[in-house]
Amino acid sequence: MIIHNSAQPYTRPVANIGIHQTLSGKKTTELLGWLKPTQGTGRLALVICLATVAVNLAMGGYSGHLSTATAELENHRHELIDQNITLRAMRASMMTPLAIERVAGEKLALQKADANQILVFNSSKRRFETLQ
């Protein structure tokens, strides 16, 4: 045992083994020790946290896709509504008597008969007569 003079401050006696041996004795994983919890509870919490983050990222991506798809469907719906309005207007214009007569003349070569061209069969006289 080494006896120290009471006038000098007390220091622990340390063996002089060199700096290389002192550093090599420390664990190198001590710097990253906070990443690897040694207790089961810490590992479980880390797994749950990572799973939650992964699910949130997946849901965020999927919700972005859903909002884009919803916007596209809404645009397509408005285009169909506009097309429906246009088609109804075209149908209404084609159902007028003048339009029907015009299409019948162009497509089927049918013309409106004159008054002297309409013949009716008179069964009592047993002959065709012009309608007046």
C-alpha atoms as a PDB file:
ATOM      1  CA  MET A   1       0.000   0.000   0.000  1.00  0.00           C
ATOM      2  CA  ILE A   2       1.194   3.441  -0.918  1.00  0.00           C
ATOM      3  CA  ILE A   3       1.048   6.077   1.767  1.00  0.00           C
ATOM      4  CA  HIS A   4       0.411   9.603   0.545  1.00  0.00           C
ATOM      5  CA  ASN A   5       1.427  12.760   2.163  1.00  0.00           C
ATOM      6  CA  SER A   6      -1.613  14.540   3.596  1.00  0.00           C
ATOM      7  CA  ALA A   7      -0.516  17.798   1.973  1.00  0.00           C
ATOM      8  CA  GLN A   8      -1.010  16.337  -1.509  1.00  0.00           C
ATOM      9  CA  PRO A   9      -4.450  15.656  -2.956  1.00  0.00           C
ATOM     10  CA  TYR A  10      -5.488  12.050  -3.050  1.00  0.00           C
ATOM     11  CA  THR A  11      -5.415  10.294  -6.402  1.00  0.00           C
ATOM     12  CA  ARG A  12      -6.207   6.705  -7.046  1.00  0.00           C
ATOM     13  CA  PRO A  13      -3.242   4.632  -7.899  1.00  0.00           C
ATOM     14  CA  VAL A  14      -3.536   3.600 -11.550  1.00  0.00           C
ATOM     15  CA  ALA A  15      -1.373   1.113 -13.261  1.00  0.00           C
ATOM     16  CA  ASN A  16       0.444   2.528 -16.247  1.00  0.00           C
ATOM     17  CA  ILE A  17      -0.690   0.136 -18.993  1.00  0.00           C
ATOM     18  CA  GLY A  18      -0.715   2.497 -21.944  1.00  0.00           C
ATOM     19  CA  ILE A  19      -3.492   4.208 -23.895  1.00  0.00           C
ATOM     20  CA  HIS A  20      -3.936   1.391 -26.427  1.00  0.00           C
ATOM     21  CA  GLN A  21      -5.000  -1.104 -23.839  1.00  0.00           C
ATOM     22  CA  THR A  22      -7.413   1.350 -22.213  1.00  0.00           C
ATOM     23  CA  LEU A  23      -9.304   2.108 -25.429  1.00  0.00           C
ATOM     24  CA  SER A  24      -9.399  -1.458 -26.642  1.00  0.00           C
ATOM     25  CA  GLY A  25     -11.098  -2.563 -23.464  1.00  0.00           C
ATOM     26  CA  LYS A  26     -14.152  -0.349 -24.122  1.00  0.00           C
ATOM     27  CA  LYS A  27     -17.001  -1.676 -26.189  1.00  0.00           C
ATOM     28  CA  THR A  28     -17.191  -0.145 -29.645  1.00  0.00           C
ATOM     29  CA  THR A  29     -20.970  -0.568 -29.731  1.00  0.00           C
ATOM     30  CA  GLU A  30     -21.265   1.838 -26.844  1.00  0.00           C
ATOM     31  CA  LEU A  31     -21.702   4.732 -29.309  1.00  0.00           C
ATOM     32  CA  LEU A  32     -24.694   3.063 -30.974  1.00  0.00           C
ATOM     33  CA  GLY A  33     -26.074   1.564 -27.821  1.00  0.00           C
ATOM     34  CA  TRP A  34     -29.235   3.674 -27.941  1.00  0.00           C
ATOM     35  CA  LEU A  35     -30.212   1.967 -31.213  1.00  0.00           C
ATOM     36  CA  LYS A  36     -30.130  -1.504 -29.721  1.00  0.00           C
ATOM     37  CA  PRO A  37     -32.146  -1.677 -26.524  1.00  0.00           C
ATOM     38  CA  THR A  38     -31.161  -4.669 -24.529  1.00  0.00           C
ATOM     39  CA  GLN A  39     -34.467  -5.136 -22.762  1.00  0.00           C
ATOM     40  CA  GLY A  40     -37.436  -6.873 -24.385  1.00  0.00           C
ATOM     41  CA  THR A  41     -39.766  -3.960 -23.690  1.00  0.00           C
ATOM     42  CA  GLY A  42     -37.506  -1.573 -25.551  1.00  0.00           C
ATOM     43  CA  ARG A  43     -37.311  -3.897 -28.535  1.00  0.00           C
ATOM     44  CA  LEU A  44     -41.071  -4.318 -28.588  1.00  0.00           C
ATOM     45  CA  ALA A  45     -41.565  -0.547 -28.436  1.00  0.00           C
ATOM     46  CA  LEU A  46     -39.108  -0.092 -31.302  1.00  0.00           C
ATOM     47  CA  VAL A  47     -40.896  -2.701 -33.438  1.00  0.00           C
ATOM     48  CA  ILE A  48     -44.294  -1.134 -32.738  1.00  0.00           C
ATOM     49  CA  CYS A  49     -42.953   2.340 -33.557  1.00  0.00           C
ATOM     50  CA  LEU A  50     -41.410   1.166 -36.830  1.00  0.00           C
ATOM     51  CA  ALA A  51     -44.586  -0.696 -37.788  1.00  0.00           C
ATOM     52  CA  THR A  52     -46.672   2.395 -37.045  1.00  0.00           C
ATOM     53  CA  VAL A  53     -44.411   4.570 -39.185  1.00  0.00           C
ATOM     54  CA  ALA A  54     -44.558   2.041 -42.046  1.00  0.00           C
ATOM     55  CA  VAL A  55     -48.359   1.845 -41.881  1.00  0.00           C
ATOM     56  CA  ASN A  56     -48.655   5.646 -41.804  1.00  0.00           C
ATOM     57  CA  LEU A  57     -46.394   5.974 -44.852  1.00  0.00           C
ATOM     58  CA  ALA A  58     -48.374   3.337 -46.740  1.00  0.00           C
ATOM     59  CA  MET A  59     -51.696   4.947 -45.836  1.00  0.00           C
ATOM     60  CA  GLY A  60     -50.400   8.365 -46.854  1.00  0.00           C
ATOM     61  CA  GLY A  61     -49.372   7.073 -50.262  1.00  0.00           C
ATOM     62  CA  TYR A  62     -52.652   5.241 -50.716  1.00  0.00           C
ATOM     63  CA  SER A  63     -54.711   8.261 -49.688  1.00  0.00           C
ATOM     64  CA  GLY A  64     -52.790  10.386 -52.200  1.00  0.00           C
ATOM     65  CA  HIS A  65     -53.621   7.838 -54.878  1.00  0.00           C
ATOM     66  CA  LEU A  66     -57.266   7.833 -53.814  1.00  0.00           C
ATOM     67  CA  SER A  67     -57.546  11.611 -53.968  1.00  0.00           C
ATOM     68  CA  THR A  68     -56.054  11.623 -57.478  1.00  0.00           C
ATOM     69  CA  ALA A  69     -58.390   8.848 -58.632  1.00  0.00           C
ATOM     70  CA  THR A  70     -61.379  10.629 -57.079  1.00  0.00           C
ATOM     71  CA  ALA A  71     -60.507  13.869 -58.873  1.00  0.00           C
ATOM     72  CA  GLU A  72     -60.184  12.017 -62.201  1.00  0.00           C
ATOM     73  CA  LEU A  73     -63.555  10.316 -61.705  1.00  0.00           C
ATOM     74  CA  GLU A  74     -65.188  13.621 -60.803  1.00  0.00           C
ATOM     75  CA  ASN A  75     -63.792  15.237 -63.976  1.00  0.00           C
ATOM     76  CA  HIS A  76     -65.038  12.319 -66.074  1.00  0.00           C
ATOM     77  CA  ARG A  77     -68.460  12.596 -64.423  1.00  0.00           C
ATOM     78  CA  HIS A  78     -68.688  16.305 -65.331  1.00  0.00           C
ATOM     79  CA  GLU A  79     -67.685  15.519 -68.928  1.00  0.00           C
ATOM     80  CA  LEU A  80     -70.438  12.879 -69.134  1.00  0.00           C
ATOM     81  CA  ILE A  81     -72.999  15.319 -67.723  1.00  0.00           C
ATOM     82  CA  ASP A  82     -72.020  17.882 -70.386  1.00  0.00           C
ATOM     83  CA  GLN A  83     -72.227  15.221 -73.101  1.00  0.00           C
ATOM     84  CA  ASN A  84     -75.654  14.147 -71.813  1.00  0.00           C
ATOM     85  CA  ILE A  85     -76.931  17.722 -72.015  1.00  0.00           C
ATOM     86  CA  THR A  86     -75.608  18.052 -75.578  1.00  0.00           C
ATOM     87  CA  LEU A  87     -77.186  14.759 -76.664  1.00  0.00           C
ATOM     88  CA  ARG A  88     -80.564  15.683 -75.156  1.00  0.00           C
ATOM     89  CA  ALA A  89     -80.507  19.005 -77.018  1.00  0.00           C
ATOM     90  CA  MET A  90     -79.651  17.230 -80.288  1.00  0.00           C
ATOM     91  CA  ARG A  91     -82.470  14.718 -79.733  1.00  0.00           C
ATOM     92  CA  ALA A  92     -84.969  17.490 -79.044  1.00  0.00           C
ATOM     93  CA  SER A  93     -83.951  19.300 -82.228  1.00  0.00           C
ATOM     94  CA  MET A  94     -84.255  16.066 -84.257  1.00  0.00           C
ATOM     95  CA  MET A  95     -87.767  15.313 -82.981  1.00  0.00           C
ATOM     96  CA  THR A  96     -89.335  18.420 -84.513  1.00  0.00           C
ATOM     97  CA  PRO A  97     -91.617  17.763 -87.512  1.00  0.00           C
ATOM     98  CA  LEU A  98     -89.443  19.830 -89.856  1.00  0.00           C
ATOM     99  CA  ALA A  99     -86.313  17.881 -88.890  1.00  0.00           C
ATOM    100  CA  ILE A 100     -88.084  14.536 -89.348  1.00  0.00           C
ATOM    101  CA  GLU A 101     -89.339  15.614 -92.794  1.00  0.00           C
ATOM    102  CA  ARG A 102     -85.855  16.821 -93.784  1.00  0.00           C
ATOM    103  CA  VAL A 103     -84.126  13.592 -92.661  1.00  0.00           C
ATOM    104  CA  ALA A 104     -86.795  11.442 -94.354  1.00  0.00           C
ATOM    105  CA  GLY A 105     -86.233  13.330 -97.614  1.00  0.00           C
ATOM    106  CA  GLU A 106     -82.427  13.128 -97.416  1.00  0.00           C
ATOM    107  CA  LYS A 107     -81.910   9.603 -96.107  1.00  0.00           C
ATOM    108  CA  LEU A 108     -84.989   7.702 -97.351  1.00  0.00           C
ATOM    109  CA  ALA A 109     -86.009   9.796-100.386  1.00  0.00           C
ATOM    110  CA  LEU A 110     -89.492  10.285 -98.915  1.00  0.00           C
ATOM    111  CA  GLN A 111     -91.375  13.448 -99.750  1.00  0.00           C
ATOM    112  CA  LYS A 112     -94.573  14.858 -98.316  1.00  0.00           C
ATOM    113  CA  ALA A 113     -97.507  14.067-100.549  1.00  0.00           C
ATOM    114  CA  ASP A 114     -99.580  16.810-102.167  1.00  0.00           C
ATOM    115  CA  ALA A 115    -103.340  16.926-101.636  1.00  0.00           C
ATOM    116  CA  ASN A 116    -104.071  15.413-105.061  1.00  0.00           C
ATOM    117  CA  GLN A 117    -101.570  12.577-104.485  1.00  0.00           C
ATOM    118  CA  ILE A 118    -103.345  11.048-101.479  1.00  0.00           C
ATOM    119  CA  LEU A 119    -105.690   8.271-102.555  1.00  0.00           C
ATOM    120  CA  VAL A 120    -108.245   6.600-100.331  1.00  0.00           C
ATOM    121  CA  PHE A 121    -110.090   3.406-101.198  1.00  0.00           C
ATOM    122  CA  ASN A 122    -113.850   3.961-101.098  1.00  0.00           C
ATOM    123  CA  SER A 123    -115.302   0.543-100.367  1.00  0.00           C
ATOM    124  CA  SER A 124    -118.877   1.525-101.209  1.00  0.00           C
ATOM    125  CA  LYS A 125    -117.858   2.693-104.676  1.00  0.00           C
ATOM    126  CA  ARG A 126    -115.099   0.108-104.853  1.00  0.00           C
ATOM    127  CA  ARG A 127    -112.524   2.544-106.211  1.00  0.00           C
ATOM    128  CA  PHE A 128    -109.699   4.879-105.132  1.00  0.00           C
ATOM    129  CA  GLU A 129    -110.503   8.542-104.714  1.00  0.00           C
ATOM    130  CA  THR A 130    -108.280  11.575-104.020  1.00  0.00           C
ATOM    131  CA  LEU A 131    -108.532  13.067-100.571  1.00  0.00           C
ATOM    132  CA  GLN A 132    -109.571  16.710-100.469  1.00  0.00           C
END
